[in-house]
């Protein structure tokens, strides 16, 4: 409750704008007209002096391909096959598991291709 008592109360009376004399209003109109002319002249010179922007170089297109890779237990890549040769990659992993006794698995990898 202490917070409400500390707030200031705004007065409800509105102040009326003062009337200007005719001489003051015409002088102000003349000064604003000359200021507008000066501003438009400044804008015209700014547009002529702006430097020409150059376009950035287009980034070279990077292309990626997906391959199947056979890995051993220590995550060393043993063989790489094209994406449509998944069956061959699985066979290779099975053959390596039987021959060495270590676990081998296949996983997708992405590689960048030079255009």
Protein backbone atom coordinates (compact mmCIF):
# COMPACT_ATOMS: atom_id res chain seq x y z
CA UNK A 1 0.00 0.00 0.00
CA UNK A 2 2.92 2.33 0.61
CA UNK A 3 3.78 2.18 -3.09
CA UNK A 4 0.40 3.54 -4.13
CA UNK A 5 0.57 6.49 -1.80
CA UNK A 6 3.94 7.52 -3.19
CA UNK A 7 2.75 7.81 -6.80
CA UNK A 8 2.02 11.26 -8.16
CA UNK A 9 -1.50 12.21 -9.19
CA UNK A 10 -1.81 13.74 -12.65
CA UNK A 11 -3.98 16.79 -13.05
CA UNK A 12 -7.03 16.36 -15.23
CA UNK A 13 -6.98 19.87 -16.67
CA UNK A 14 -5.75 20.20 -20.23
CA UNK A 15 -3.66 23.16 -21.29
CA UNK A 16 -4.91 25.01 -24.35
CA UNK A 17 -2.47 25.84 -27.14
CA UNK A 18 -1.56 29.49 -27.40
CA UNK A 19 -2.66 31.45 -30.46
CA UNK A 20 0.15 32.63 -32.75
CA UNK A 21 0.30 35.96 -34.36
CA UNK A 22 0.11 36.17 -38.18
CA UNK A 23 3.62 37.64 -38.46
CA UNK A 24 5.22 34.73 -36.59
CA UNK A 25 3.43 32.06 -38.67
CA UNK A 26 4.45 33.61 -42.04
CA UNK A 27 8.08 33.98 -40.93
CA UNK A 28 8.14 30.35 -39.86
CA UNK A 29 6.62 29.22 -43.18
CA UNK A 30 9.31 31.12 -45.12
CA UNK A 31 12.12 29.61 -43.07
CA UNK A 32 10.79 26.06 -43.51
CA UNK A 33 10.49 26.53 -47.28
CA UNK A 34 14.13 27.63 -47.57
CA UNK A 35 15.20 24.74 -45.34
CA UNK A 36 13.35 22.27 -47.58
CA UNK A 37 15.11 23.64 -50.68
CA UNK A 38 18.51 23.28 -49.01
CA UNK A 39 17.68 19.74 -47.91
CA UNK A 40 16.60 18.71 -51.42
CA UNK A 41 19.83 20.14 -52.86
CA UNK A 42 21.85 18.17 -50.30
CA UNK A 43 20.02 14.96 -51.22
CA UNK A 44 20.74 15.53 -54.92
CA UNK A 45 24.48 15.89 -54.27
CA UNK A 46 24.53 12.81 -52.00
CA UNK A 47 23.07 10.59 -54.69
CA UNK A 48 25.66 11.73 -57.22
CA UNK A 49 28.60 11.13 -54.85
CA UNK A 50 27.69 7.64 -53.64
CA UNK A 51 30.29 5.03 -54.58
CA UNK A 52 29.25 2.28 -56.92
CA UNK A 53 28.79 -1.00 -55.08
CA UNK A 54 30.47 -4.00 -56.55
CA UNK A 55 28.86 -7.39 -56.44
CA UNK A 56 30.39 -10.09 -54.31
CA UNK A 57 31.95 -13.05 -55.99
CA UNK A 58 29.62 -15.98 -56.22
CA UNK A 59 30.66 -18.80 -53.95
CA UNK A 60 31.75 -21.88 -55.82
CA UNK A 61 29.08 -24.53 -55.77
CA UNK A 62 30.00 -27.33 -53.39
CA UNK A 63 28.52 -30.70 -54.17
CA UNK A 64 28.37 -33.60 -51.76
CA UNK A 65 27.84 -37.30 -52.31
CA UNK A 66 26.85 -40.01 -49.89
CA UNK A 67 28.89 -43.20 -49.65
CA UNK A 68 28.72 -46.35 -47.53
CA UNK A 69 31.85 -46.84 -45.45
CA UNK A 70 32.94 -49.93 -43.52
CA UNK A 71 34.48 -49.15 -40.12
CA UNK A 72 36.24 -51.33 -37.54
CA UNK A 73 35.95 -51.14 -33.73
CA UNK A 74 38.43 -48.27 -33.42
CA UNK A 75 36.40 -46.24 -35.96
CA UNK A 76 39.01 -46.60 -38.67
CA UNK A 77 37.54 -46.55 -42.15
CA UNK A 78 38.39 -49.83 -43.88
CA UNK A 79 36.47 -49.58 -47.19
CA UNK A 80 34.22 -47.17 -49.09
CA UNK A 81 31.39 -48.10 -51.47
CA UNK A 82 29.04 -46.10 -53.67
CA UNK A 83 25.61 -45.39 -52.19
CA UNK A 84 23.84 -47.89 -54.43
CA UNK A 85 26.25 -50.69 -53.32
CA UNK A 86 24.93 -51.15 -49.79
CA UNK A 87 24.64 -54.92 -50.17
CA UNK A 88 28.33 -55.21 -51.13
CA UNK A 89 29.31 -53.03 -48.15
CA UNK A 90 27.34 -55.29 -45.77
CA UNK A 91 28.98 -58.38 -47.27
CA UNK A 92 32.42 -56.84 -46.83
CA UNK A 93 31.69 -56.04 -43.17
CA UNK A 94 30.50 -59.64 -42.56
CA UNK A 95 33.58 -61.09 -44.28
CA UNK A 96 35.92 -58.89 -42.20
CA UNK A 97 34.10 -59.88 -38.98
CA UNK A 98 34.53 -63.60 -39.79
CA UNK A 99 38.18 -63.30 -40.82
CA UNK A 100 39.49 -61.03 -38.05
CA UNK A 101 36.97 -61.68 -35.28
CA UNK A 102 36.62 -57.94 -34.66
CA UNK A 103 33.35 -56.10 -35.02
CA UNK A 104 32.88 -54.14 -38.28
CA UNK A 105 29.91 -51.99 -39.28
CA UNK A 106 28.74 -49.80 -42.14
CA UNK A 107 27.74 -46.18 -41.95
CA UNK A 108 26.81 -43.39 -44.38
CA UNK A 109 29.41 -40.69 -44.96
CA UNK A 110 29.26 -37.44 -46.91
CA UNK A 111 32.15 -36.37 -49.10
CA UNK A 112 32.58 -33.19 -51.12
CA UNK A 113 33.01 -33.66 -54.84
CA UNK A 114 34.99 -31.27 -57.00
CA UNK A 115 33.01 -30.00 -59.97
